[in-house]
Amino acid sequence: MRSPAMVCIFALASVTWAGVKPVYAQISTATLSQANKDLQAGEADQAIALLAPLPTTGDGAAEAQNILCRVRFTLQQWSQAAAECQQAVTLDGQNSDYHMWLGRVLGQQASHASFLSAYGIAKHSLSEMQAAVKLNPKNGPAMSDLGDYYAQAPGIAGGGTDKAQAILVQLDKVDSARAQELRGDIAMAQKDYTTAENEYRQAATVASEPADYWTVLADFYRKRQQWSDLDAAIQNCVSAAAKDKNSSVGLYDGAGVLIAANRNPALAAQMLENYLSSSSLTEEAPAFIAHIRLSRLKQQLGDAVGAKTELAIAAQMAKEFNPAQA
């Protein structure tokens, strides 16, 4: 005679076989929303604390893994980010953005890998970019990523300016500013600097939010050592950002150009302070990195106390980030 316990077990088994699906843990939309808010604000530690304990399968898990991957991306933890973005793609292979982010992470991983392993990682990155565009032909950022890869990568790694030109046909219909920037990238790859300058300037002219496109032109001038032109482009960036509260990322990137050029640290510091005090912080410009850069600028400008304060704020936001990486 079967025991009551065994009867229950067989009863449960029969229910499962009858087609009732097992119940998986669900991640609430409120949790995902808060994690994304933390990511945009540069609160990496808070985002990780919220996301790391969550289940890696079930409803909401793909989005949670994607957000966690992007947090790791801001921390420049490429291997961990790649594993988490891969999990998001595994759980939901039809999501264009998940493939795009995996491609981005793999691209960074390839750029930091040894020569022998970089090729294979880069090819995987390319396949993810291609998948992102195939799944959503209107995904402007994904098309821009793919076109930029084609423009810059050697032929042996799947690159080629002819392939980048083909992407332009699609990108023109989706985002004219990104298309103009890609034209500039193609011209740069061909060492046609006059055309590159004109295309980058046109991107800033046609963009609805032009501040960051002015920084692209400014960085072009930095590489060409055209200092007065760089200064003018940065001023255009500052003016554009002042008119549009949603484009303050241009202030972060513009400050980065000035830092790389070792030029006008006072203006660079002001731009970072304006970015950090804005209402449009974004993962594209991690706030903790902004604080680290501002710390260095304040030290350079003779404000040792302010420099120490900025560094302490950054440490509170992202304890896993090494300031030397900023």
C-alpha atoms as a PDB file:
ATOM      1  CA  MET A   1       0.000   0.000   0.000  1.00  0.00           C
ATOM      2  CA  ARG A   2       1.348   3.433  -0.925  1.00  0.00           C
ATOM      3  CA  SER A   3       1.978   5.953   1.801  1.00  0.00           C
ATOM      4  CA  PRO A   4       0.021   9.264   1.706  1.00  0.00           C
ATOM      5  CA  ALA A   5       3.252  11.041   0.848  1.00  0.00           C
ATOM      6  CA  MET A   6       3.862   8.855  -2.177  1.00  0.00           C
ATOM      7  CA  VAL A   7       0.285   9.370  -3.305  1.00  0.00           C
ATOM      8  CA  CYS A   8       0.848  13.133  -3.200  1.00  0.00           C
ATOM      9  CA  ILE A   9       4.079  12.831  -5.196  1.00  0.00           C
ATOM     10  CA  PHE A  10       2.434  10.775  -7.918  1.00  0.00           C
ATOM     11  CA  ALA A  11      -0.510  13.173  -7.973  1.00  0.00           C
ATOM     12  CA  LEU A  12       1.808  16.146  -8.482  1.00  0.00           C
ATOM     13  CA  ALA A  13       3.679  14.309 -11.200  1.00  0.00           C
ATOM     14  CA  SER A  14       0.453  13.552 -13.034  1.00  0.00           C
ATOM     15  CA  VAL A  15      -0.528  17.234 -12.899  1.00  0.00           C
ATOM     16  CA  THR A  16       2.826  18.239 -14.370  1.00  0.00           C
ATOM     17  CA  TRP A  17       2.564  15.710 -17.153  1.00  0.00           C
ATOM     18  CA  ALA A  18      -0.969  16.927 -17.812  1.00  0.00           C
ATOM     19  CA  GLY A  19       0.527  20.123 -19.137  1.00  0.00           C
ATOM     20  CA  VAL A  20       0.669  22.496 -16.181  1.00  0.00           C
ATOM     21  CA  LYS A  21       3.889  24.475 -16.480  1.00  0.00           C
ATOM     22  CA  PRO A  22       6.121  24.824 -13.442  1.00  0.00           C
ATOM     23  CA  VAL A  23       6.033  28.227 -11.766  1.00  0.00           C
ATOM     24  CA  TYR A  24       9.209  30.269 -12.053  1.00  0.00           C
ATOM     25  CA  ALA A  25      10.153  33.253  -9.974  1.00  0.00           C
ATOM     26  CA  GLN A  26       9.042  36.527 -11.493  1.00  0.00           C
ATOM     27  CA  ILE A  27      11.004  39.760 -11.350  1.00  0.00           C
ATOM     28  CA  SER A  28       8.729  42.744 -10.909  1.00  0.00           C
ATOM     29  CA  THR A  29       8.706  45.646 -13.327  1.00  0.00           C
ATOM     30  CA  ALA A  30       9.213  47.949 -10.347  1.00  0.00           C
ATOM     31  CA  THR A  31      12.500  46.198  -9.526  1.00  0.00           C
ATOM     32  CA  LEU A  32      13.680  46.450 -13.121  1.00  0.00           C
ATOM     33  CA  SER A  33      12.674  50.106 -13.281  1.00  0.00           C
ATOM     34  CA  GLN A  34      14.605  50.938 -10.114  1.00  0.00           C
ATOM     35  CA  ALA A  35      17.677  49.071 -11.350  1.00  0.00           C
ATOM     36  CA  ASN A  36      17.590  51.028 -14.590  1.00  0.00           C
ATOM     37  CA  LYS A  37      17.223  54.306 -12.676  1.00  0.00           C
ATOM     38  CA  ASP A  38      20.296  53.385 -10.620  1.00  0.00           C
ATOM     39  CA  LEU A  39      22.193  52.577 -13.811  1.00  0.00           C
ATOM     40  CA  GLN A  40      21.325  55.905 -15.425  1.00  0.00           C
ATOM     41  CA  ALA A  41      22.287  57.784 -12.246  1.00  0.00           C
ATOM     42  CA  GLY A  42      25.676  56.058 -12.102  1.00  0.00           C
ATOM     43  CA  GLU A  43      24.799  54.272  -8.859  1.00  0.00           C
ATOM     44  CA  ALA A  44      26.558  51.077  -9.861  1.00  0.00           C
ATOM     45  CA  ASP A  45      26.742  49.586  -6.355  1.00  0.00           C
ATOM     46  CA  GLN A  46      23.023  50.063  -5.778  1.00  0.00           C
ATOM     47  CA  ALA A  47      22.158  48.527  -9.140  1.00  0.00           C
ATOM     48  CA  ILE A  48      24.359  45.485  -8.542  1.00  0.00           C
ATOM     49  CA  ALA A  49      22.967  44.980  -5.039  1.00  0.00           C
ATOM     50  CA  LEU A  50      19.477  44.965  -6.510  1.00  0.00           C
ATOM     51  CA  LEU A  51      20.186  42.797  -9.558  1.00  0.00           C
ATOM     52  CA  ALA A  52      22.800  40.252  -8.446  1.00  0.00           C
ATOM     53  CA  PRO A  53      20.509  38.222  -6.137  1.00  0.00           C
ATOM     54  CA  LEU A  54      17.730  37.948  -8.745  1.00  0.00           C
ATOM     55  CA  PRO A  55      16.971  34.646 -10.533  1.00  0.00           C
ATOM     56  CA  THR A  56      18.650  34.213 -13.905  1.00  0.00           C
ATOM     57  CA  THR A  57      15.637  32.499 -15.473  1.00  0.00           C
ATOM     58  CA  GLY A  58      11.931  33.224 -15.528  1.00  0.00           C
ATOM     59  CA  ASP A  59       9.864  36.312 -16.250  1.00  0.00           C
ATOM     60  CA  GLY A  60      11.949  39.483 -16.237  1.00  0.00           C
ATOM     61  CA  ALA A  61      15.270  37.655 -16.006  1.00  0.00           C
ATOM     62  CA  ALA A  62      16.392  38.567 -19.529  1.00  0.00           C
ATOM     63  CA  GLU A  63      15.882  42.271 -18.855  1.00  0.00           C
ATOM     64  CA  ALA A  64      17.573  41.996 -15.455  1.00  0.00           C
ATOM     65  CA  GLN A  65      20.600  40.310 -17.032  1.00  0.00           C
ATOM     66  CA  ASN A  66      20.773  42.968 -19.738  1.00  0.00           C
ATOM     67  CA  ILE A  67      20.694  45.795 -17.187  1.00  0.00           C
ATOM     68  CA  LEU A  68      23.322  44.053 -15.057  1.00  0.00           C
ATOM     69  CA  CYS A  69      25.474  43.632 -18.171  1.00  0.00           C
ATOM     70  CA  ARG A  70      25.214  47.355 -18.848  1.00  0.00           C
ATOM     71  CA  VAL A  71      26.178  48.167 -15.268  1.00  0.00           C
ATOM     72  CA  ARG A  72      29.267  45.970 -15.705  1.00  0.00           C
ATOM     73  CA  PHE A  73      29.893  47.786 -18.989  1.00  0.00           C
ATOM     74  CA  THR A  74      30.103  51.137 -17.178  1.00  0.00           C
ATOM     75  CA  LEU A  75      32.502  49.500 -14.701  1.00  0.00           C
ATOM     76  CA  GLN A  76      34.576  48.209 -17.650  1.00  0.00           C
ATOM     77  CA  GLN A  77      34.250  44.630 -16.394  1.00  0.00           C
ATOM     78  CA  TRP A  78      34.147  43.148 -19.864  1.00  0.00           C
ATOM     79  CA  SER A  79      34.190  39.403 -19.090  1.00  0.00           C
ATOM     80  CA  GLN A  80      31.423  39.591 -16.505  1.00  0.00           C
ATOM     81  CA  ALA A  81      29.390  41.900 -18.712  1.00  0.00           C
ATOM     82  CA  ALA A  82      29.728  39.520 -21.661  1.00  0.00           C
ATOM     83  CA  ALA A  83      28.457  36.581 -19.588  1.00  0.00           C
ATOM     84  CA  GLU A  84      25.422  38.549 -18.412  1.00  0.00           C
ATOM     85  CA  CYS A  85      24.606  39.952 -21.856  1.00  0.00           C
ATOM     86  CA  GLN A  86      24.955  36.436 -23.288  1.00  0.00           C
ATOM     87  CA  GLN A  87      22.449  35.190 -20.730  1.00  0.00           C
ATOM     88  CA  ALA A  88      19.994  37.912 -21.784  1.00  0.00           C
ATOM     89  CA  VAL A  89      20.352  36.840 -25.424  1.00  0.00           C
ATOM     90  CA  THR A  90      19.973  33.176 -24.480  1.00  0.00           C
ATOM     91  CA  LEU A  91      16.740  33.927 -22.640  1.00  0.00           C
ATOM     92  CA  ASP A  92      15.338  36.208 -25.343  1.00  0.00           C
ATOM     93  CA  GLY A  93      17.080  35.824 -28.659  1.00  0.00           C
ATOM     94  CA  GLN A  94      14.502  37.939 -30.487  1.00  0.00           C
ATOM     95  CA  ASN A  95      15.389  41.170 -28.689  1.00  0.00           C
ATOM     96  CA  SER A  96      17.469  43.429 -30.936  1.00  0.00           C
ATOM     97  CA  ASP A  97      18.814  45.545 -28.074  1.00  0.00           C
ATOM     98  CA  TYR A  98      20.112  42.491 -26.206  1.00  0.00           C
ATOM     99  CA  HIS A  99      22.159  41.473 -29.250  1.00  0.00           C
ATOM    100  CA  MET A 100      23.355  45.063 -29.669  1.00  0.00           C
ATOM    101  CA  TRP A 101      24.647  45.233 -26.112  1.00  0.00           C
ATOM    102  CA  LEU A 102      26.340  41.842 -26.365  1.00  0.00           C
ATOM    103  CA  GLY A 103      28.036  43.055 -29.533  1.00  0.00           C
ATOM    104  CA  ARG A 104      29.210  46.215 -27.768  1.00  0.00           C
ATOM    105  CA  VAL A 105      30.614  44.335 -24.805  1.00  0.00           C
ATOM    106  CA  LEU A 106      32.380  41.804 -27.009  1.00  0.00           C
ATOM    107  CA  GLY A 107      33.860  44.668 -29.009  1.00  0.00           C
ATOM    108  CA  GLN A 108      35.379  46.131 -25.860  1.00  0.00           C
ATOM    109  CA  GLN A 109      36.526  42.695 -24.748  1.00  0.00           C
ATOM    110  CA  ALA A 110      38.250  42.183 -28.094  1.00  0.00           C
ATOM    111  CA  SER A 111      40.033  45.523 -27.855  1.00  0.00           C
ATOM    112  CA  HIS A 112      41.483  44.491 -24.493  1.00  0.00           C
ATOM    113  CA  ALA A 113      42.296  40.868 -25.436  1.00  0.00           C
ATOM    114  CA  SER A 114      45.528  39.333 -26.659  1.00  0.00           C
ATOM    115  CA  PHE A 115      46.179  39.342 -30.380  1.00  0.00           C
ATOM    116  CA  LEU A 116      45.448  35.627 -30.690  1.00  0.00           C
ATOM    117  CA  SER A 117      42.038  35.752 -29.018  1.00  0.00           C
ATOM    118  CA  ALA A 118      40.926  39.206 -30.205  1.00  0.00           C
ATOM    119  CA  TYR A 119      40.039  38.005 -33.714  1.00  0.00           C
ATOM    120  CA  GLY A 120      37.545  35.385 -32.550  1.00  0.00           C
ATOM    121  CA  ILE A 121      35.908  37.755 -30.074  1.00  0.00           C
ATOM    122  CA  ALA A 122      35.654  40.475 -32.721  1.00  0.00           C
ATOM    123  CA  LYS A 123      33.951  38.087 -35.146  1.00  0.00           C
ATOM    124  CA  HIS A 124      31.451  37.147 -32.425  1.00  0.00           C
ATOM    125  CA  SER A 125      30.872  40.850 -31.787  1.00  0.00           C
ATOM    126  CA  LEU A 126      30.175  41.369 -35.487  1.00  0.00           C
ATOM    127  CA  SER A 127      27.672  38.513 -35.608  1.00  0.00           C
ATOM    128  CA  GLU A 128      25.771  40.009 -32.657  1.00  0.00           C
ATOM    129  CA  MET A 129      25.661  43.451 -34.314  1.00  0.00           C
ATOM    130  CA  GLN A 130      24.371  41.872 -37.497  1.00  0.00           C
ATOM    131  CA  ALA A 131      21.708  39.973 -35.550  1.00  0.00           C
ATOM    132  CA  ALA A 132      20.598  43.191 -33.826  1.00  0.00           C
ATOM    133  CA  VAL A 133      20.085  44.962 -37.148  1.00  0.00           C
ATOM    134  CA  LYS A 134      18.384  41.955 -38.754  1.00  0.00           C
ATOM    135  CA  LEU A 135      15.911  41.680 -35.874  1.00  0.00           C
ATOM    136  CA  ASN A 136      15.107  45.402 -35.951  1.00  0.00           C
ATOM    137  CA  PRO A 137      16.065  47.280 -39.140  1.00  0.00           C
ATOM    138  CA  LYS A 138      14.940  50.502 -37.436  1.00  0.00           C
ATOM    139  CA  ASN A 139      17.377  50.191 -34.531  1.00  0.00           C
ATOM    140  CA  GLY A 140      19.484  53.277 -35.239  1.00  0.00           C
ATOM    141  CA  PRO A 141      22.124  52.730 -32.526  1.00  0.00           C
ATOM    142  CA  ALA A 142      22.627  49.116 -33.637  1.00  0.00           C
ATOM    143  CA  MET A 143      23.001  50.154 -37.286  1.00  0.00           C
ATOM    144  CA  SER A 144      25.443  52.862 -36.247  1.00  0.00           C
ATOM    145  CA  ASP A 145      27.501  50.312 -34.289  1.00  0.00           C
ATOM    146  CA  LEU A 146      27.559  47.906 -37.227  1.00  0.00           C
ATOM    147  CA  GLY A 147      28.453  50.602 -39.729  1.00  0.00           C
ATOM    148  CA  ASP A 148      31.255  51.873 -37.511  1.00  0.00           C
ATOM    149  CA  TYR A 149      32.624  48.343 -37.173  1.00  0.00           C
ATOM    150  CA  TYR A 150      32.635  47.914 -40.946  1.00  0.00           C
ATOM    151  CA  ALA A 151      34.342  51.282 -41.386  1.00  0.00           C
ATOM    152  CA  GLN A 152      37.134  50.598 -38.913  1.00  0.00           C
ATOM    153  CA  ALA A 153      37.748  46.829 -38.900  1.00  0.00           C
ATOM    154  CA  PRO A 154      40.183  45.220 -41.337  1.00  0.00           C
ATOM    155  CA  GLY A 155      38.814  42.962 -44.046  1.00  0.00           C
ATOM    156  CA  ILE A 156      40.095  39.825 -42.328  1.00  0.00           C
ATOM    157  CA  ALA A 157      37.779  40.642 -39.405  1.00  0.00           C
ATOM    158  CA  GLY A 158      34.781  41.294 -41.636  1.00  0.00           C
ATOM    159  CA  GLY A 159      35.279  45.022 -42.110  1.00  0.00           C
ATOM    160  CA  GLY A 160      35.162  47.111 -45.263  1.00  0.00           C
ATOM    161  CA  THR A 161      34.062  50.611 -46.183  1.00  0.00           C
ATOM    162  CA  ASP A 162      31.852  49.161 -48.934  1.00  0.00           C
ATOM    163  CA  LYS A 163      29.869  47.333 -46.257  1.00  0.00           C
ATOM    164  CA  ALA A 164      29.671  50.513 -44.183  1.00  0.00           C
ATOM    165  CA  GLN A 165      28.316  52.359 -47.231  1.00  0.00           C
ATOM    166  CA  ALA A 166      25.582  49.733 -47.547  1.00  0.00           C
ATOM    167  CA  ILE A 167      24.511  50.360 -43.937  1.00  0.00           C
ATOM    168  CA  LEU A 168      24.137  54.068 -44.771  1.00  0.00           C
ATOM    169  CA  VAL A 169      21.242  53.283 -47.100  1.00  0.00           C
ATOM    170  CA  GLN A 170      19.267  51.916 -44.146  1.00  0.00           C
ATOM    171  CA  LEU A 171      20.536  54.355 -41.535  1.00  0.00           C
ATOM    172  CA  ASP A 172      19.609  57.425 -43.609  1.00  0.00           C
ATOM    173  CA  LYS A 173      15.964  56.392 -43.321  1.00  0.00           C
ATOM    174  CA  VAL A 174      16.135  55.989 -39.538  1.00  0.00           C
ATOM    175  CA  ASP A 175      18.524  58.606 -38.122  1.00  0.00           C
ATOM    176  CA  SER A 176      20.065  61.187 -40.442  1.00  0.00           C
ATOM    177  CA  ALA A 177      22.484  62.524 -37.809  1.00  0.00           C
ATOM    178  CA  ARG A 178      23.911  59.072 -37.088  1.00  0.00           C
ATOM    179  CA  ALA A 179      24.160  58.508 -40.840  1.00  0.00           C
ATOM    180  CA  GLN A 180      26.169  61.712 -41.271  1.00  0.00           C
ATOM    181  CA  GLU A 181      28.483  60.690 -38.434  1.00  0.00           C
ATOM    182  CA  LEU A 182      29.013  57.315 -40.096  1.00  0.00           C
ATOM    183  CA  ARG A 183      29.869  59.082 -43.344  1.00  0.00           C
ATOM    184  CA  GLY A 184      32.505  60.966 -41.384  1.00  0.00           C
ATOM    185  CA  ASP A 185      33.839  57.704 -39.963  1.00  0.00           C
ATOM    186  CA  ILE A 186      34.058  56.198 -43.436  1.00  0.00           C
ATOM    187  CA  ALA A 187      35.916  59.255 -44.702  1.00  0.00           C
ATOM    188  CA  MET A 188      38.308  59.015 -41.761  1.00  0.00           C
ATOM    189  CA  ALA A 189      38.985  55.356 -42.580  1.00  0.00           C
ATOM    190  CA  GLN A 190      39.817  56.486 -46.123  1.00  0.00           C
ATOM    191  CA  LYS A 191      41.983  59.333 -44.785  1.00  0.00           C
ATOM    192  CA  ASP A 192      39.757  61.874 -46.518  1.00  0.00           C
ATOM    193  CA  TYR A 193      39.913  64.442 -43.741  1.00  0.00           C
ATOM    194  CA  THR A 194      38.180  67.284 -45.569  1.00  0.00           C
ATOM    195  CA  THR A 195      35.126  65.138 -46.221  1.00  0.00           C
ATOM    196  CA  ALA A 196      35.208  63.770 -42.663  1.00  0.00           C
ATOM    197  CA  GLU A 197      35.154  67.288 -41.227  1.00  0.00           C
ATOM    198  CA  ASN A 198      32.232  68.289 -43.433  1.00  0.00           C
ATOM    199  CA  GLU A 199      30.243  65.169 -42.570  1.00  0.00           C
ATOM    200  CA  TYR A 200      30.780  65.574 -38.819  1.00  0.00           C
ATOM    201  CA  ARG A 201      29.726  69.215 -39.051  1.00  0.00           C
ATOM    202  CA  GLN A 202      26.642  68.247 -41.038  1.00  0.00           C
ATOM    203  CA  ALA A 203      25.738  65.677 -38.359  1.00  0.00           C
ATOM    204  CA  ALA A 204      25.703  68.439 -35.744  1.00  0.00           C
ATOM    205  CA  THR A 205      23.629  70.620 -38.074  1.00  0.00           C
ATOM    206  CA  VAL A 206      20.860  68.081 -38.742  1.00  0.00           C
ATOM    207  CA  ALA A 207      20.703  66.489 -35.258  1.00  0.00           C
ATOM    208  CA  SER A 208      17.686  67.277 -33.091  1.00  0.00           C
ATOM    209  CA  GLU A 209      20.023  67.090 -30.076  1.00  0.00           C
ATOM    210  CA  PRO A 210      23.313  68.385 -31.508  1.00  0.00           C
ATOM    211  CA  ALA A 211      25.457  68.857 -28.382  1.00  0.00           C
ATOM    212  CA  ASP A 212      27.183  65.481 -28.524  1.00  0.00           C
ATOM    213  CA  TYR A 213      27.719  65.692 -32.280  1.00  0.00           C
ATOM    214  CA  TRP A 214      29.714  68.887 -31.705  1.00  0.00           C
ATOM    215  CA  THR A 215      32.003  66.843 -29.442  1.00  0.00           C
ATOM    216  CA  VAL A 216      32.540  64.369 -32.294  1.00  0.00           C
ATOM    217  CA  LEU A 217      33.713  67.255 -34.453  1.00  0.00           C
ATOM    218  CA  ALA A 218      35.797  68.605 -31.568  1.00  0.00           C
ATOM    219  CA  ASP A 219      37.526  65.239 -31.200  1.00  0.00           C
ATOM    220  CA  PHE A 220      38.247  65.246 -34.925  1.00  0.00           C
ATOM    221  CA  TYR A 221      39.967  68.608 -34.484  1.00  0.00           C
ATOM    222  CA  ARG A 222      41.890  67.258 -31.479  1.00  0.00           C
ATOM    223  CA  LYS A 223      43.307  64.448 -33.581  1.00  0.00           C
ATOM    224  CA  ARG A 224      44.167  66.948 -36.315  1.00  0.00           C
ATOM    225  CA  GLN A 225      45.606  69.426 -33.755  1.00  0.00           C
ATOM    226  CA  GLN A 226      43.345  72.207 -35.020  1.00  0.00           C
ATOM    227  CA  TRP A 227      43.055  73.917 -31.664  1.00  0.00           C
ATOM    228  CA  SER A 228      41.026  77.013 -32.493  1.00  0.00           C
ATOM    229  CA  ASP A 229      38.517  74.854 -34.369  1.00  0.00           C
ATOM    230  CA  LEU A 230      38.350  72.516 -31.377  1.00  0.00           C
ATOM    231  CA  ASP A 231      37.603  75.453 -29.070  1.00  0.00           C
ATOM    232  CA  ALA A 232      34.801  76.644 -31.349  1.00  0.00           C
ATOM    233  CA  ALA A 233      33.229  73.181 -31.535  1.00  0.00           C
ATOM    234  CA  ILE A 234      33.303  72.871 -27.742  1.00  0.00           C
ATOM    235  CA  GLN A 235      31.612  76.237 -27.369  1.00  0.00           C
ATOM    236  CA  ASN A 236      28.901  75.071 -29.775  1.00  0.00           C
ATOM    237  CA  CYS A 237      28.493  71.963 -27.626  1.00  0.00           C
ATOM    238  CA  VAL A 238      28.083  74.055 -24.469  1.00  0.00           C
ATOM    239  CA  SER A 239      25.556  76.325 -26.168  1.00  0.00           C
ATOM    240  CA  ALA A 240      23.536  73.399 -27.519  1.00  0.00           C
ATOM    241  CA  ALA A 241      23.489  71.656 -24.138  1.00  0.00           C
ATOM    242  CA  ALA A 242      22.257  74.833 -22.478  1.00  0.00           C
ATOM    243  CA  LYS A 243      19.239  74.847 -24.805  1.00  0.00           C
ATOM    244  CA  ASP A 244      18.329  71.180 -24.350  1.00  0.00           C
ATOM    245  CA  LYS A 245      18.264  69.583 -20.907  1.00  0.00           C
ATOM    246  CA  ASN A 246      18.212  66.112 -22.490  1.00  0.00           C
ATOM    247  CA  SER A 247      21.573  66.517 -24.228  1.00  0.00           C
ATOM    248  CA  SER A 248      23.847  67.101 -21.258  1.00  0.00           C
ATOM    249  CA  VAL A 249      25.829  63.979 -22.187  1.00  0.00           C
ATOM    250  CA  GLY A 250      27.565  66.309 -24.639  1.00  0.00           C
ATOM    251  CA  LEU A 251      29.039  68.162 -21.663  1.00  0.00           C
ATOM    252  CA  TYR A 252      30.581  64.925 -20.365  1.00  0.00           C
ATOM    253  CA  ASP A 253      31.986  63.967 -23.755  1.00  0.00           C
ATOM    254  CA  GLY A 254      33.130  67.506 -24.489  1.00  0.00           C
ATOM    255  CA  ALA A 255      35.000  67.618 -21.202  1.00  0.00           C
ATOM    256  CA  GLY A 256      36.583  64.321 -22.184  1.00  0.00           C
ATOM    257  CA  VAL A 257      37.858  65.863 -25.414  1.00  0.00           C
ATOM    258  CA  LEU A 258      39.380  68.802 -23.518  1.00  0.00           C
ATOM    259  CA  ILE A 259      41.015  66.448 -21.023  1.00  0.00           C
ATOM    260  CA  ALA A 260      42.472  64.319 -23.824  1.00  0.00           C
ATOM    261  CA  ALA A 261      43.776  67.500 -25.463  1.00  0.00           C
ATOM    262  CA  ASN A 262      45.156  68.776 -22.133  1.00  0.00           C
ATOM    263  CA  ARG A 263      43.308  71.998 -22.839  1.00  0.00           C
ATOM    264  CA  ASN A 264      41.234  74.445 -20.757  1.00  0.00           C
ATOM    265  CA  PRO A 265      40.843  72.411 -17.545  1.00  0.00           C
ATOM    266  CA  ALA A 266      38.661  75.120 -15.974  1.00  0.00           C
ATOM    267  CA  LEU A 267      36.087  74.803 -18.748  1.00  0.00           C
ATOM    268  CA  ALA A 268      36.261  71.005 -18.628  1.00  0.00           C
ATOM    269  CA  ALA A 269      35.590  71.085 -14.886  1.00  0.00           C
ATOM    270  CA  GLN A 270      32.644  73.432 -15.352  1.00  0.00           C
ATOM    271  CA  MET A 271      31.190  71.181 -18.034  1.00  0.00           C
ATOM    272  CA  LEU A 272      31.413  68.146 -15.750  1.00  0.00           C
ATOM    273  CA  GLU A 273      29.846  70.057 -12.864  1.00  0.00           C
ATOM    274  CA  ASN A 274      26.996  71.147 -15.123  1.00  0.00           C
ATOM    275  CA  TYR A 275      26.513  67.566 -16.293  1.00  0.00           C
ATOM    276  CA  LEU A 276      26.451  66.188 -12.747  1.00  0.00           C
ATOM    277  CA  SER A 277      23.934  68.803 -11.627  1.00  0.00           C
ATOM    278  CA  SER A 278      21.637  68.160 -14.590  1.00  0.00           C
ATOM    279  CA  SER A 279      18.478  66.077 -14.598  1.00  0.00           C
ATOM    280  CA  SER A 280      19.629  63.920 -17.509  1.00  0.00           C
ATOM    281  CA  LEU A 281      22.393  61.696 -16.167  1.00  0.00           C
ATOM    282  CA  THR A 282      22.868  58.650 -18.367  1.00  0.00           C
ATOM    283  CA  GLU A 283      24.754  55.371 -18.531  1.00  0.00           C
ATOM    284  CA  GLU A 284      26.459  56.752 -21.645  1.00  0.00           C
ATOM    285  CA  ALA A 285      28.296  59.134 -19.304  1.00  0.00           C
ATOM    286  CA  PRO A 286      28.692  57.302 -15.975  1.00  0.00           C
ATOM    287  CA  ALA A 287      28.383  59.781 -13.117  1.00  0.00           C
ATOM    288  CA  PHE A 288      31.048  58.074 -11.033  1.00  0.00           C
ATOM    289  CA  ILE A 289      33.562  58.493 -13.861  1.00  0.00           C
ATOM    290  CA  ALA A 290      32.518  62.136 -14.162  1.00  0.00           C
ATOM    291  CA  HIS A 291      33.317  62.612 -10.482  1.00  0.00           C
ATOM    292  CA  ILE A 292      36.728  60.950 -10.913  1.00  0.00           C
ATOM    293  CA  ARG A 293      37.574  63.164 -13.882  1.00  0.00           C
ATOM    294  CA  LEU A 294      36.363  66.216 -11.995  1.00  0.00           C
ATOM    295  CA  SER A 295      38.565  65.209  -9.075  1.00  0.00           C
ATOM    296  CA  ARG A 296      41.633  65.199 -11.309  1.00  0.00           C
ATOM    297  CA  LEU A 297      40.713  68.540 -12.819  1.00  0.00           C
ATOM    298  CA  LYS A 298      40.208  70.123  -9.401  1.00  0.00           C
ATOM    299  CA  GLN A 299      43.580  68.781  -8.306  1.00  0.00           C
ATOM    300  CA  GLN A 300      45.099  70.301 -11.427  1.00  0.00           C
ATOM    301  CA  LEU A 301      43.386  73.606 -10.669  1.00  0.00           C
ATOM    302  CA  GLY A 302      44.716  73.647  -7.100  1.00  0.00           C
ATOM    303  CA  ASP A 303      41.549  72.576  -5.267  1.00  0.00           C
ATOM    304  CA  ALA A 304      42.883  69.638  -3.259  1.00  0.00           C
ATOM    305  CA  VAL A 305      39.885  69.514  -0.903  1.00  0.00           C
ATOM    306  CA  GLY A 306      37.415  69.516  -3.774  1.00  0.00           C
ATOM    307  CA  ALA A 307      39.415  66.820  -5.545  1.00  0.00           C
ATOM    308  CA  LYS A 308      39.272  64.577  -2.476  1.00  0.00           C
ATOM    309  CA  THR A 309      35.530  65.116  -2.132  1.00  0.00           C
ATOM    310  CA  GLU A 310      34.840  64.177  -5.747  1.00  0.00           C
ATOM    311  CA  LEU A 311      36.898  61.012  -5.441  1.00  0.00           C
ATOM    312  CA  ALA A 312      35.037  60.013  -2.278  1.00  0.00           C
ATOM    313  CA  ILE A 313      31.682  60.477  -4.014  1.00  0.00           C
ATOM    314  CA  ALA A 314      32.798  58.254  -6.877  1.00  0.00           C
ATOM    315  CA  ALA A 315      33.925  55.550  -4.447  1.00  0.00           C
ATOM    316  CA  GLN A 316      30.517  55.585  -2.782  1.00  0.00           C
ATOM    317  CA  MET A 317      28.813  55.060  -6.123  1.00  0.00           C
ATOM    318  CA  ALA A 318      31.045  52.379  -7.631  1.00  0.00           C
ATOM    319  CA  LYS A 319      33.443  50.729  -5.229  1.00  0.00           C
ATOM    320  CA  GLU A 320      34.407  48.084  -7.831  1.00  0.00           C
ATOM    321  CA  PHE A 321      35.688  50.674 -10.297  1.00  0.00           C
ATOM    322  CA  ASN A 322      39.396  51.425 -10.412  1.00  0.00           C
ATOM    323  CA  PRO A 323      39.894  55.208 -10.806  1.00  0.00           C
ATOM    324  CA  ALA A 324      42.932  54.524 -12.979  1.00  0.00           C
ATOM    325  CA  GLN A 325      40.515  53.239 -15.665  1.00  0.00           C
ATOM    326  CA  ALA A 326      38.684  56.567 -15.943  1.00  0.00           C
END
